[in-house]
C-alpha atoms as a PDB file:
ATOM      1  CA  MET A   1       3.642   0.239  12.237  1.00  0.00           C
ATOM      2  CA  ARG A   2       0.269  -0.874  10.872  1.00  0.00           C
ATOM      3  CA  VAL A   3      -2.357   1.447   9.428  1.00  0.00           C
ATOM      4  CA  ASP A   4      -5.813   1.051   7.947  1.00  0.00           C
ATOM      5  CA  VAL A   5      -5.544   2.475   4.430  1.00  0.00           C
ATOM      6  CA  CYS A   6      -9.085   2.291   3.080  1.00  0.00           C
ATOM      7  CA  PRO A   7     -12.275   0.277   2.750  1.00  0.00           C
ATOM      8  CA  ARG A   8     -12.053  -2.570   0.231  1.00  0.00           C
ATOM      9  CA  GLU A   9     -14.259  -0.797  -2.334  1.00  0.00           C
ATOM     10  CA  ASP A  10     -12.241   2.484  -2.308  1.00  0.00           C
ATOM     11  CA  TYR A  11     -10.453   1.971  -5.620  1.00  0.00           C
ATOM     12  CA  ALA A  12      -9.135   5.543  -5.871  1.00  0.00           C
ATOM     13  CA  THR A  13      -7.230   5.163  -2.605  1.00  0.00           C
ATOM     14  CA  GLN A  14      -5.931   1.736  -3.658  1.00  0.00           C
ATOM     15  CA  ALA A  15      -4.552   3.346  -6.828  1.00  0.00           C
ATOM     16  CA  ALA A  16      -2.979   6.132  -4.727  1.00  0.00           C
ATOM     17  CA  LEU A  17      -1.401   3.451  -2.495  1.00  0.00           C
ATOM     18  CA  LEU A  18       0.204   1.726  -5.489  1.00  0.00           C
ATOM     19  CA  GLU A  19       1.545   5.080  -6.732  1.00  0.00           C
ATOM     20  CA  ALA A  20       2.888   5.909  -3.268  1.00  0.00           C
ATOM     21  CA  LEU A  21       4.586   2.526  -2.936  1.00  0.00           C
ATOM     22  CA  ALA A  22       6.321   3.097  -6.277  1.00  0.00           C
ATOM     23  CA  ALA A  23       7.314   6.632  -5.231  1.00  0.00           C
ATOM     24  CA  ALA A  24       8.871   5.178  -2.056  1.00  0.00           C
ATOM     25  CA  GLY A  25      10.922   2.783  -4.205  1.00  0.00           C
ATOM     26  CA  ALA A  26       8.940  -0.268  -3.089  1.00  0.00           C
ATOM     27  CA  HIS A  27       8.663  -3.106  -5.590  1.00  0.00           C
ATOM     28  CA  PRO A  28       6.562  -6.271  -5.386  1.00  0.00           C
ATOM     29  CA  ASP A  29       8.401  -9.166  -3.741  1.00  0.00           C
ATOM     30  CA  ASP A  30       6.515 -11.638  -5.943  1.00  0.00           C
ATOM     31  CA  ASP A  31       5.566 -11.505  -9.595  1.00  0.00           C
ATOM     32  CA  PHE A  32       1.942 -10.300  -9.694  1.00  0.00           C
ATOM     33  CA  GLU A  33      -0.054  -7.719 -11.596  1.00  0.00           C
ATOM     34  CA  LEU A  34      -0.299  -4.368  -9.844  1.00  0.00           C
ATOM     35  CA  GLU A  35      -3.863  -3.417 -10.570  1.00  0.00           C
ATOM     36  CA  VAL A  36      -6.916  -2.083  -8.819  1.00  0.00           C
ATOM     37  CA  PRO A  37      -8.770  -3.625  -7.146  1.00  0.00           C
ATOM     38  CA  LEU A  38      -5.898  -5.214  -5.255  1.00  0.00           C
ATOM     39  CA  PRO A  39      -6.063  -9.003  -5.091  1.00  0.00           C
ATOM     40  CA  THR A  40      -7.298 -10.455  -1.816  1.00  0.00           C
ATOM     41  CA  GLY A  41      -4.514 -11.614   0.489  1.00  0.00           C
ATOM     42  CA  LEU A  42      -1.023 -10.553   1.542  1.00  0.00           C
ATOM     43  CA  LEU A  43       1.119  -8.587  -0.883  1.00  0.00           C
ATOM     44  CA  ARG A  44       4.761  -7.941   0.006  1.00  0.00           C
ATOM     45  CA  PHE A  45       6.770  -5.013  -1.299  1.00  0.00           C
ATOM     46  CA  ARG A  46      10.517  -4.540  -0.847  1.00  0.00           C
ATOM     47  CA  ALA A  47      12.169  -1.133  -0.508  1.00  0.00           C
ATOM     48  CA  GLY A  48      15.875  -1.773  -0.110  1.00  0.00           C
ATOM     49  CA  THR A  49      16.148  -4.093   2.881  1.00  0.00           C
ATOM     50  CA  ASP A  50      12.740  -3.086   4.281  1.00  0.00           C
ATOM     51  CA  ILE A  51       9.538  -5.004   3.645  1.00  0.00           C
ATOM     52  CA  LEU A  52       6.043  -3.531   3.474  1.00  0.00           C
ATOM     53  CA  THR A  53       3.023  -5.797   3.694  1.00  0.00           C
ATOM     54  CA  VAL A  54      -0.351  -4.889   2.216  1.00  0.00           C
ATOM     55  CA  LEU A  55      -3.295  -6.958   3.426  1.00  0.00           C
ATOM     56  CA  ALA A  56      -6.418  -6.752   1.308  1.00  0.00           C
ATOM     57  CA  ASP A  57      -9.370  -8.677   2.694  1.00  0.00           C
ATOM     58  CA  ALA A  58     -13.125  -8.545   2.133  1.00  0.00           C
ATOM     59  CA  TRP A  59     -13.497  -5.378   4.222  1.00  0.00           C
ATOM     60  CA  ALA A  60     -10.352  -3.260   4.113  1.00  0.00           C
ATOM     61  CA  VAL A  61      -6.812  -2.635   2.896  1.00  0.00           C
ATOM     62  CA  ASP A  62      -4.054  -2.326   5.531  1.00  0.00           C
ATOM     63  CA  LEU A  63      -0.368  -1.425   5.296  1.00  0.00           C
ATOM     64  CA  GLU A  64       2.339  -2.639   7.679  1.00  0.00           C
ATOM     65  CA  GLY A  65       6.080  -2.033   7.807  1.00  0.00           C
ATOM     66  CA  PRO A  66       8.843   0.062   9.370  1.00  0.00           C
ATOM     67  CA  ASP A  67       7.486   3.296  10.879  1.00  0.00           C
ATOM     68  CA  GLY A  68       9.486   5.707   8.722  1.00  0.00           C
ATOM     69  CA  LEU A  69       8.701   3.914   5.475  1.00  0.00           C
ATOM     70  CA  VAL A  70       4.981   3.632   6.242  1.00  0.00           C
ATOM     71  CA  ARG A  71       4.904   7.363   7.047  1.00  0.00           C
ATOM     72  CA  ARG A  72       6.649   8.149   3.725  1.00  0.00           C
ATOM     73  CA  VAL A  73       4.060   6.099   1.836  1.00  0.00           C
ATOM     74  CA  LEU A  74       1.190   7.826   3.656  1.00  0.00           C
ATOM     75  CA  GLU A  75       2.675  11.270   2.972  1.00  0.00           C
ATOM     76  CA  SER A  76       3.052  10.389  -0.701  1.00  0.00           C
ATOM     77  CA  MET A  77      -0.584   9.202  -0.791  1.00  0.00           C
ATOM     78  CA  THR A  78      -1.734  12.539   0.576  1.00  0.00           C
ATOM     79  CA  GLY A  79       0.189  14.254  -2.215  1.00  0.00           C
ATOM     80  CA  ALA A  80      -1.331  11.829  -4.751  1.00  0.00           C
ATOM     81  CA  GLY A  81      -4.850  12.851  -3.725  1.00  0.00           C
ATOM     82  CA  GLY A  82      -5.623   9.761  -1.672  1.00  0.00           C
ATOM     83  CA  GLY A  83      -5.179   9.023   1.975  1.00  0.00           C
ATOM     84  CA  PRO A  84      -5.975   6.567   4.673  1.00  0.00           C
ATOM     85  CA  ALA A  85      -9.565   6.289   5.862  1.00  0.00           C
END
């Protein structure tokens, strides 16, 4: 499943995404600083054996991964005060 999370300049939603990823037990696959704004490019997060990919480009931030896990992250974002655009 792939979803559009937010416009690139929506820093509050990017912060909510990072919180939701952590709440879902997802950890960065590589060693990079988790900060807002997200760095441009592909970021991979691992939750058990599942992988979530965050793509941040010049226009938007997208999330892709297994349906159930993506839904859990989105639900957690709604509880964190953010949400997909």
